[in-house]
Amino acid sequence: MRISFILPFASLSGGIRVIATYARELTQAGHEVTVISRPLRVKTSPLRTLVNKITGKARARAREDRTTPFLDFLGERHVVLDR
């Protein structure tokens, strides 16, 4: 059976861990599992943006390093959309 999970973003939160567990178990049972997610957006308040510009700090880095390692076993079957 082909199964797809659609996530708002892949993070380390508890709900994402549960979906990762389901995906792993279904994959081990022989199913074809795909997980689709959006990139994690970093919301910066207008005040923080102004303070960063005044102090000369660089723009906040994207939180790519905070994506979940729980979905790494899927490889190419974990699709992260452009936006």
PDB file of N, CA and C in Angstrom:
ATOM      1  N   MET A   1       0.846  -1.161   0.000  1.00  0.00           N
ATOM      2  CA  MET A   1       0.000   0.000   0.000  1.00  0.00           C
ATOM      3  C   MET A   1       0.905   1.243   0.000  1.00  0.00           C
ATOM      4  N   ARG A   2       0.499   2.303  -0.704  1.00  0.00           N
ATOM      5  CA  ARG A   2       1.236   3.560  -0.690  1.00  0.00           C
ATOM      6  C   ARG A   2       0.559   4.520   0.269  1.00  0.00           C
ATOM      7  N   ILE A   3       1.349   5.050   1.199  1.00  0.00           N
ATOM      8  CA  ILE A   3       0.821   5.920   2.253  1.00  0.00           C
ATOM      9  C   ILE A   3       1.608   7.217   2.236  1.00  0.00           C
ATOM     10  N   SER A   4       0.909   8.353   2.346  1.00  0.00           N
ATOM     11  CA  SER A   4       1.558   9.663   2.392  1.00  0.00           C
ATOM     12  C   SER A   4       1.122  10.393   3.657  1.00  0.00           C
ATOM     13  N   PHE A   5       2.089  10.978   4.336  1.00  0.00           N
ATOM     14  CA  PHE A   5       1.824  11.851   5.473  1.00  0.00           C
ATOM     15  C   PHE A   5       2.177  13.267   5.041  1.00  0.00           C
ATOM     16  N   ILE A   6       1.332  14.233   5.373  1.00  0.00           N
ATOM     17  CA  ILE A   6       1.604  15.626   5.054  1.00  0.00           C
ATOM     18  C   ILE A   6       1.761  16.373   6.371  1.00  0.00           C
ATOM     19  N   LEU A   7       2.932  17.007   6.547  1.00  0.00           N
ATOM     20  CA  LEU A   7       3.263  17.708   7.786  1.00  0.00           C
ATOM     21  C   LEU A   7       3.374  19.205   7.539  1.00  0.00           C
ATOM     22  N   PRO A   8       3.068  20.025   8.540  1.00  0.00           N
ATOM     23  CA  PRO A   8       3.284  21.467   8.380  1.00  0.00           C
ATOM     24  C   PRO A   8       4.776  21.784   8.271  1.00  0.00           C
ATOM     25  N   PHE A   9       5.612  21.063   8.986  1.00  0.00           N
ATOM     26  CA  PHE A   9       7.067  21.161   8.917  1.00  0.00           C
ATOM     27  C   PHE A   9       7.640  19.980   9.689  1.00  0.00           C
ATOM     28  N   ALA A  10       8.871  19.625   9.388  1.00  0.00           N
ATOM     29  CA  ALA A  10       9.517  18.504  10.073  1.00  0.00           C
ATOM     30  C   ALA A  10      10.374  19.065  11.198  1.00  0.00           C
ATOM     31  N   SER A  11       9.976  18.803  12.416  1.00  0.00           N
ATOM     32  CA  SER A  11      10.715  19.307  13.577  1.00  0.00           C
ATOM     33  C   SER A  11      10.873  18.184  14.590  1.00  0.00           C
ATOM     34  N   LEU A  12      11.321  18.543  15.767  1.00  0.00           N
ATOM     35  CA  LEU A  12      11.512  17.557  16.832  1.00  0.00           C
ATOM     36  C   LEU A  12      10.323  17.479  17.787  1.00  0.00           C
ATOM     37  N   SER A  13       9.197  18.053  17.422  1.00  0.00           N
ATOM     38  CA  SER A  13       8.041  18.048  18.320  1.00  0.00           C
ATOM     39  C   SER A  13       7.461  16.638  18.444  1.00  0.00           C
ATOM     40  N   GLY A  14       6.662  16.442  19.468  1.00  0.00           N
ATOM     41  CA  GLY A  14       6.128  15.123  19.782  1.00  0.00           C
ATOM     42  C   GLY A  14       5.242  14.530  18.703  1.00  0.00           C
ATOM     43  N   GLY A  15       4.397  15.356  18.089  1.00  0.00           N
ATOM     44  CA  GLY A  15       3.510  14.848  17.045  1.00  0.00           C
ATOM     45  C   GLY A  15       4.265  14.366  15.829  1.00  0.00           C
ATOM     46  N   ILE A  16       5.344  15.058  15.493  1.00  0.00           N
ATOM     47  CA  ILE A  16       6.163  14.654  14.355  1.00  0.00           C
ATOM     48  C   ILE A  16       6.877  13.343  14.676  1.00  0.00           C
ATOM     49  N   ARG A  17       7.288  13.177  15.921  1.00  0.00           N
ATOM     50  CA  ARG A  17       7.928  11.917  16.336  1.00  0.00           C
ATOM     51  C   ARG A  17       6.970  10.746  16.175  1.00  0.00           C
ATOM     52  N   VAL A  18       5.706  10.951  16.515  1.00  0.00           N
ATOM     53  CA  VAL A  18       4.710   9.888  16.384  1.00  0.00           C
ATOM     54  C   VAL A  18       4.533   9.519  14.916  1.00  0.00           C
ATOM     55  N   ILE A  19       4.441  10.524  14.040  1.00  0.00           N
ATOM     56  CA  ILE A  19       4.294  10.258  12.615  1.00  0.00           C
ATOM     57  C   ILE A  19       5.530   9.539  12.082  1.00  0.00           C
ATOM     58  N   ALA A  20       6.710   9.932  12.554  1.00  0.00           N
ATOM     59  CA  ALA A  20       7.944   9.261  12.136  1.00  0.00           C
ATOM     60  C   ALA A  20       7.941   7.799  12.580  1.00  0.00           C
ATOM     61  N   THR A  21       7.435   7.545  13.776  1.00  0.00           N
ATOM     62  CA  THR A  21       7.340   6.169  14.273  1.00  0.00           C
ATOM     63  C   THR A  21       6.378   5.354  13.415  1.00  0.00           C
ATOM     64  N   TYR A  22       5.215   5.933  13.102  1.00  0.00           N
ATOM     65  CA  TYR A  22       4.252   5.246  12.231  1.00  0.00           C
ATOM     66  C   TYR A  22       4.870   4.967  10.864  1.00  0.00           C
ATOM     67  N   ALA A  23       5.564   5.971  10.312  1.00  0.00           N
ATOM     68  CA  ALA A  23       6.179   5.808   8.994  1.00  0.00           C
ATOM     69  C   ALA A  23       7.222   4.696   9.018  1.00  0.00           C
ATOM     70  N   ARG A  24       8.026   4.655  10.084  1.00  0.00           N
ATOM     71  CA  ARG A  24       9.052   3.606  10.185  1.00  0.00           C
ATOM     72  C   ARG A  24       8.404   2.219  10.280  1.00  0.00           C
ATOM     73  N   GLU A  25       7.402   2.084  11.114  1.00  0.00           N
ATOM     74  CA  GLU A  25       6.746   0.791  11.283  1.00  0.00           C
ATOM     75  C   GLU A  25       6.049   0.346  10.000  1.00  0.00           C
ATOM     76  N   LEU A  26       5.396   1.279   9.317  1.00  0.00           N
ATOM     77  CA  LEU A  26       4.725   0.929   8.067  1.00  0.00           C
ATOM     78  C   LEU A  26       5.734   0.553   6.986  1.00  0.00           C
ATOM     79  N   THR A  27       6.888   1.238   6.961  1.00  0.00           N
ATOM     80  CA  THR A  27       7.941   0.899   6.005  1.00  0.00           C
ATOM     81  C   THR A  27       8.484  -0.493   6.280  1.00  0.00           C
ATOM     82  N   GLN A  28       8.693  -0.811   7.553  1.00  0.00           N
ATOM     83  CA  GLN A  28       9.194  -2.139   7.912  1.00  0.00           C
ATOM     84  C   GLN A  28       8.178  -3.233   7.601  1.00  0.00           C
ATOM     85  N   ALA A  29       6.896  -2.852   7.581  1.00  0.00           N
ATOM     86  CA  ALA A  29       5.852  -3.819   7.247  1.00  0.00           C
ATOM     87  C   ALA A  29       5.694  -3.990   5.739  1.00  0.00           C
ATOM     88  N   GLY A  30       6.506  -3.242   4.954  1.00  0.00           N
ATOM     89  CA  GLY A  30       6.486  -3.427   3.509  1.00  0.00           C
ATOM     90  C   GLY A  30       5.691  -2.384   2.739  1.00  0.00           C
ATOM     91  N   HIS A  31       5.177  -1.380   3.396  1.00  0.00           N
ATOM     92  CA  HIS A  31       4.416  -0.340   2.716  1.00  0.00           C
ATOM     93  C   HIS A  31       5.349   0.729   2.153  1.00  0.00           C
ATOM     94  N   GLU A  32       4.886   1.434   1.148  1.00  0.00           N
ATOM     95  CA  GLU A  32       5.645   2.517   0.523  1.00  0.00           C
ATOM     96  C   GLU A  32       5.169   3.836   1.142  1.00  0.00           C
ATOM     97  N   VAL A  33       5.990   4.421   2.028  1.00  0.00           N
ATOM     98  CA  VAL A  33       5.598   5.605   2.789  1.00  0.00           C
ATOM     99  C   VAL A  33       6.345   6.833   2.276  1.00  0.00           C
ATOM    100  N   THR A  34       5.600   7.924   2.070  1.00  0.00           N
ATOM    101  CA  THR A  34       6.170   9.208   1.681  1.00  0.00           C
ATOM    102  C   THR A  34       5.716  10.248   2.689  1.00  0.00           C
ATOM    103  N   VAL A  35       6.645  11.099   3.117  1.00  0.00           N
ATOM    104  CA  VAL A  35       6.318  12.191   4.033  1.00  0.00           C
ATOM    105  C   VAL A  35       6.603  13.500   3.302  1.00  0.00           C
ATOM    106  N   ILE A  36       5.611  14.381   3.275  1.00  0.00           N
ATOM    107  CA  ILE A  36       5.729  15.675   2.605  1.00  0.00           C
ATOM    108  C   ILE A  36       5.632  16.757   3.673  1.00  0.00           C
ATOM    109  N   SER A  37       6.581  17.707   3.645  1.00  0.00           N
ATOM    110  CA  SER A  37       6.551  18.792   4.630  1.00  0.00           C
ATOM    111  C   SER A  37       7.026  20.089   4.001  1.00  0.00           C
ATOM    112  N   ARG A  38       6.713  21.179   4.667  1.00  0.00           N
ATOM    113  CA  ARG A  38       7.194  22.491   4.256  1.00  0.00           C
ATOM    114  C   ARG A  38       8.462  22.789   5.035  1.00  0.00           C
ATOM    115  N   PRO A  39       9.284  23.725   4.544  1.00  0.00           N
ATOM    116  CA  PRO A  39      10.454  24.116   5.336  1.00  0.00           C
ATOM    117  C   PRO A  39      10.006  24.890   6.579  1.00  0.00           C
ATOM    118  N   LEU A  40      10.773  24.774   7.635  1.00  0.00           N
ATOM    119  CA  LEU A  40      10.460  25.478   8.876  1.00  0.00           C
ATOM    120  C   LEU A  40      10.762  26.950   8.698  1.00  0.00           C
ATOM    121  N   ARG A  41       9.746  27.787   8.862  1.00  0.00           N
ATOM    122  CA  ARG A  41       9.922  29.232   8.702  1.00  0.00           C
ATOM    123  C   ARG A  41      10.342  29.836  10.019  1.00  0.00           C
ATOM    124  N   VAL A  42      11.216  30.812   9.917  1.00  0.00           N
ATOM    125  CA  VAL A  42      11.627  31.558  11.093  1.00  0.00           C
ATOM    126  C   VAL A  42      10.895  32.891  11.047  1.00  0.00           C
ATOM    127  N   LYS A  43      10.014  33.103  11.999  1.00  0.00           N
ATOM    128  CA  LYS A  43       9.275  34.358  12.047  1.00  0.00           C
ATOM    129  C   LYS A  43      10.050  35.341  12.915  1.00  0.00           C
ATOM    130  N   THR A  44      10.392  36.464  12.323  1.00  0.00           N
ATOM    131  CA  THR A  44      11.101  37.510  13.043  1.00  0.00           C
ATOM    132  C   THR A  44      10.167  38.694  13.183  1.00  0.00           C
ATOM    133  N   SER A  45      10.030  39.193  14.394  1.00  0.00           N
ATOM    134  CA  SER A  45       9.147  40.328  14.620  1.00  0.00           C
ATOM    135  C   SER A  45       9.747  41.581  13.988  1.00  0.00           C
ATOM    136  N   PRO A  46       8.912  42.543  13.626  1.00  0.00           N
ATOM    137  CA  PRO A  46       9.425  43.789  13.057  1.00  0.00           C
ATOM    138  C   PRO A  46      10.380  44.510  14.014  1.00  0.00           C
ATOM    139  N   LEU A  47      10.111  44.443  15.305  1.00  0.00           N
ATOM    140  CA  LEU A  47      10.993  45.078  16.283  1.00  0.00           C
ATOM    141  C   LEU A  47      12.365  44.417  16.281  1.00  0.00           C
ATOM    142  N   ARG A  48      12.413  43.085  16.243  1.00  0.00           N
ATOM    143  CA  ARG A  48      13.673  42.361  16.215  1.00  0.00           C
ATOM    144  C   ARG A  48      14.444  42.684  14.934  1.00  0.00           C
ATOM    145  N   THR A  49      13.728  42.798  13.809  1.00  0.00           N
ATOM    146  CA  THR A  49      14.368  43.156  12.544  1.00  0.00           C
ATOM    147  C   THR A  49      15.017  44.531  12.641  1.00  0.00           C
ATOM    148  N   LEU A  50      14.310  45.487  13.240  1.00  0.00           N
ATOM    149  CA  LEU A  50      14.836  46.840  13.412  1.00  0.00           C
ATOM    150  C   LEU A  50      16.059  46.837  14.313  1.00  0.00           C
ATOM    151  N   VAL A  51      15.997  46.112  15.425  1.00  0.00           N
ATOM    152  CA  VAL A  51      17.129  46.029  16.349  1.00  0.00           C
ATOM    153  C   VAL A  51      18.332  45.397  15.652  1.00  0.00           C
ATOM    154  N   ASN A  52      18.103  44.362  14.842  1.00  0.00           N
ATOM    155  CA  ASN A  52      19.198  43.722  14.114  1.00  0.00           C
ATOM    156  C   ASN A  52      19.854  44.688  13.135  1.00  0.00           C
ATOM    157  N   LYS A  53      19.036  45.510  12.475  1.00  0.00           N
ATOM    158  CA  LYS A  53      19.592  46.475  11.532  1.00  0.00           C
ATOM    159  C   LYS A  53      20.401  47.544  12.248  1.00  0.00           C
ATOM    160  N   ILE A  54      19.901  47.999  13.402  1.00  0.00           N
ATOM    161  CA  ILE A  54      20.591  49.052  14.155  1.00  0.00           C
ATOM    162  C   ILE A  54      21.914  48.529  14.710  1.00  0.00           C
ATOM    163  N   THR A  55      21.887  47.324  15.256  1.00  0.00           N
ATOM    164  CA  THR A  55      23.099  46.765  15.866  1.00  0.00           C
ATOM    165  C   THR A  55      24.043  46.146  14.847  1.00  0.00           C
ATOM    166  N   GLY A  56      23.606  46.001  13.602  1.00  0.00           N
ATOM    167  CA  GLY A  56      24.463  45.451  12.562  1.00  0.00           C
ATOM    168  C   GLY A  56      24.546  43.936  12.573  1.00  0.00           C
ATOM    169  N   LYS A  57      23.673  43.279  13.304  1.00  0.00           N
ATOM    170  CA  LYS A  57      23.682  41.814  13.338  1.00  0.00           C
ATOM    171  C   LYS A  57      23.126  41.271  12.034  1.00  0.00           C
ATOM    172  N   ALA A  58      23.648  40.148  11.648  1.00  0.00           N
ATOM    173  CA  ALA A  58      23.180  39.509  10.422  1.00  0.00           C
ATOM    174  C   ALA A  58      21.767  38.988  10.621  1.00  0.00           C
ATOM    175  N   ARG A  59      21.109  38.787   9.536  1.00  0.00           N
ATOM    176  CA  ARG A  59      19.753  38.248   9.574  1.00  0.00           C
ATOM    177  C   ARG A  59      19.769  36.865  10.211  1.00  0.00           C
ATOM    178  N   ALA A  60      18.721  36.519  10.895  1.00  0.00           N
ATOM    179  CA  ALA A  60      18.644  35.219  11.569  1.00  0.00           C
ATOM    180  C   ALA A  60      18.769  34.093  10.546  1.00  0.00           C
ATOM    181  N   ARG A  61      19.547  33.084  10.894  1.00  0.00           N
ATOM    182  CA  ARG A  61      19.716  31.933  10.015  1.00  0.00           C
ATOM    183  C   ARG A  61      18.459  31.092  10.008  1.00  0.00           C
ATOM    184  N   ALA A  62      18.234  30.440   8.901  1.00  0.00           N
ATOM    185  CA  ALA A  62      17.121  29.509   8.831  1.00  0.00           C
ATOM    186  C   ALA A  62      17.410  28.342   9.764  1.00  0.00           C
ATOM    187  N   ARG A  63      16.380  27.744  10.278  1.00  0.00           N
ATOM    188  CA  ARG A  63      16.556  26.659  11.245  1.00  0.00           C
ATOM    189  C   ARG A  63      16.655  25.306  10.556  1.00  0.00           C
ATOM    190  N   GLU A  64      17.477  25.223   9.537  1.00  0.00           N
ATOM    191  CA  GLU A  64      17.626  23.957   8.836  1.00  0.00           C
ATOM    192  C   GLU A  64      18.240  22.895   9.732  1.00  0.00           C
ATOM    193  N   ASP A  65      19.051  23.334  10.707  1.00  0.00           N
ATOM    194  CA  ASP A  65      19.701  22.370  11.582  1.00  0.00           C
ATOM    195  C   ASP A  65      18.746  21.798  12.614  1.00  0.00           C
ATOM    196  N   ARG A  66      17.527  22.311  12.659  1.00  0.00           N
ATOM    197  CA  ARG A  66      16.556  21.812  13.627  1.00  0.00           C
ATOM    198  C   ARG A  66      15.558  20.848  13.023  1.00  0.00           C
ATOM    199  N   THR A  67      15.786  20.433  11.792  1.00  0.00           N
ATOM    200  CA  THR A  67      14.889  19.445  11.218  1.00  0.00           C
ATOM    201  C   THR A  67      15.097  18.122  11.940  1.00  0.00           C
ATOM    202  N   THR A  68      14.122  17.288  11.860  1.00  0.00           N
ATOM    203  CA  THR A  68      14.145  16.061  12.642  1.00  0.00           C
ATOM    204  C   THR A  68      14.999  14.965  12.008  1.00  0.00           C
ATOM    205  N   PRO A  69      15.820  14.323  12.791  1.00  0.00           N
ATOM    206  CA  PRO A  69      16.570  13.169  12.279  1.00  0.00           C
ATOM    207  C   PRO A  69      15.697  11.909  12.225  1.00  0.00           C
ATOM    208  N   PHE A  70      14.489  11.992  12.778  1.00  0.00           N
ATOM    209  CA  PHE A  70      13.612  10.823  12.833  1.00  0.00           C
ATOM    210  C   PHE A  70      13.127  10.403  11.450  1.00  0.00           C
ATOM    211  N   LEU A  71      13.188  11.306  10.468  1.00  0.00           N
ATOM    212  CA  LEU A  71      12.717  10.986   9.130  1.00  0.00           C
ATOM    213  C   LEU A  71      13.856  10.685   8.169  1.00  0.00           C
ATOM    214  N   ASP A  72      15.074  10.630   8.659  1.00  0.00           N
ATOM    215  CA  ASP A  72      16.231  10.390   7.796  1.00  0.00           C
ATOM    216  C   ASP A  72      16.182   9.023   7.114  1.00  0.00           C
ATOM    217  N   PHE A  73      15.545   8.055   7.733  1.00  0.00           N
ATOM    218  CA  PHE A  73      15.497   6.717   7.158  1.00  0.00           C
ATOM    219  C   PHE A  73      14.721   6.691   5.841  1.00  0.00           C
ATOM    220  N   LEU A  74      13.885   7.702   5.580  1.00  0.00           N
ATOM    221  CA  LEU A  74      13.101   7.735   4.350  1.00  0.00           C
ATOM    222  C   LEU A  74      13.924   8.166   3.142  1.00  0.00           C
ATOM    223  N   GLY A  75      14.995   8.907   3.378  1.00  0.00           N
ATOM    224  CA  GLY A  75      15.826   9.373   2.272  1.00  0.00           C
ATOM    225  C   GLY A  75      15.047  10.293   1.344  1.00  0.00           C
ATOM    226  N   GLU A  76      14.973   9.917   0.066  1.00  0.00           N
ATOM    227  CA  GLU A  76      14.271  10.729  -0.919  1.00  0.00           C
ATOM    228  C   GLU A  76      12.763  10.696  -0.748  1.00  0.00           C
ATOM    229  N   ARG A  77      12.256   9.819   0.070  1.00  0.00           N
ATOM    230  CA  ARG A  77      10.810   9.743   0.282  1.00  0.00           C
ATOM    231  C   ARG A  77      10.324  10.770   1.294  1.00  0.00           C
ATOM    232  N   HIS A  78      11.241  11.552   1.859  1.00  0.00           N
ATOM    233  CA  HIS A  78      10.859  12.720   2.667  1.00  0.00           C
ATOM    234  C   HIS A  78      11.034  13.927   1.766  1.00  0.00           C
ATOM    235  N   VAL A  79       9.920  14.456   1.284  1.00  0.00           N
ATOM    236  CA  VAL A  79       9.926  15.558   0.334  1.00  0.00           C
ATOM    237  C   VAL A  79       9.672  16.860   1.099  1.00  0.00           C
ATOM    238  N   VAL A  80      10.615  17.808   0.984  1.00  0.00           N
ATOM    239  CA  VAL A  80      10.444  19.127   1.600  1.00  0.00           C
ATOM    240  C   VAL A  80      10.135  20.094   0.465  1.00  0.00           C
ATOM    241  N   LEU A  81       8.964  20.718   0.537  1.00  0.00           N
ATOM    242  CA  LEU A  81       8.549  21.641  -0.506  1.00  0.00           C
ATOM    243  C   LEU A  81       9.391  22.902  -0.494  1.00  0.00           C
ATOM    244  N   ASP A  82       9.378  23.635  -1.601  1.00  0.00           N
ATOM    245  CA  ASP A  82      10.150  24.880  -1.691  1.00  0.00           C
ATOM    246  C   ASP A  82       9.625  25.936  -0.742  1.00  0.00           C
ATOM    247  N   ARG A  83       8.334  26.063  -0.650  1.00  0.00           N
ATOM    248  CA  ARG A  83       7.749  27.082   0.230  1.00  0.00           C
ATOM    249  C   ARG A  83       6.426  26.626   0.748  1.00  0.00           C
TER     250      ARG A  83
END
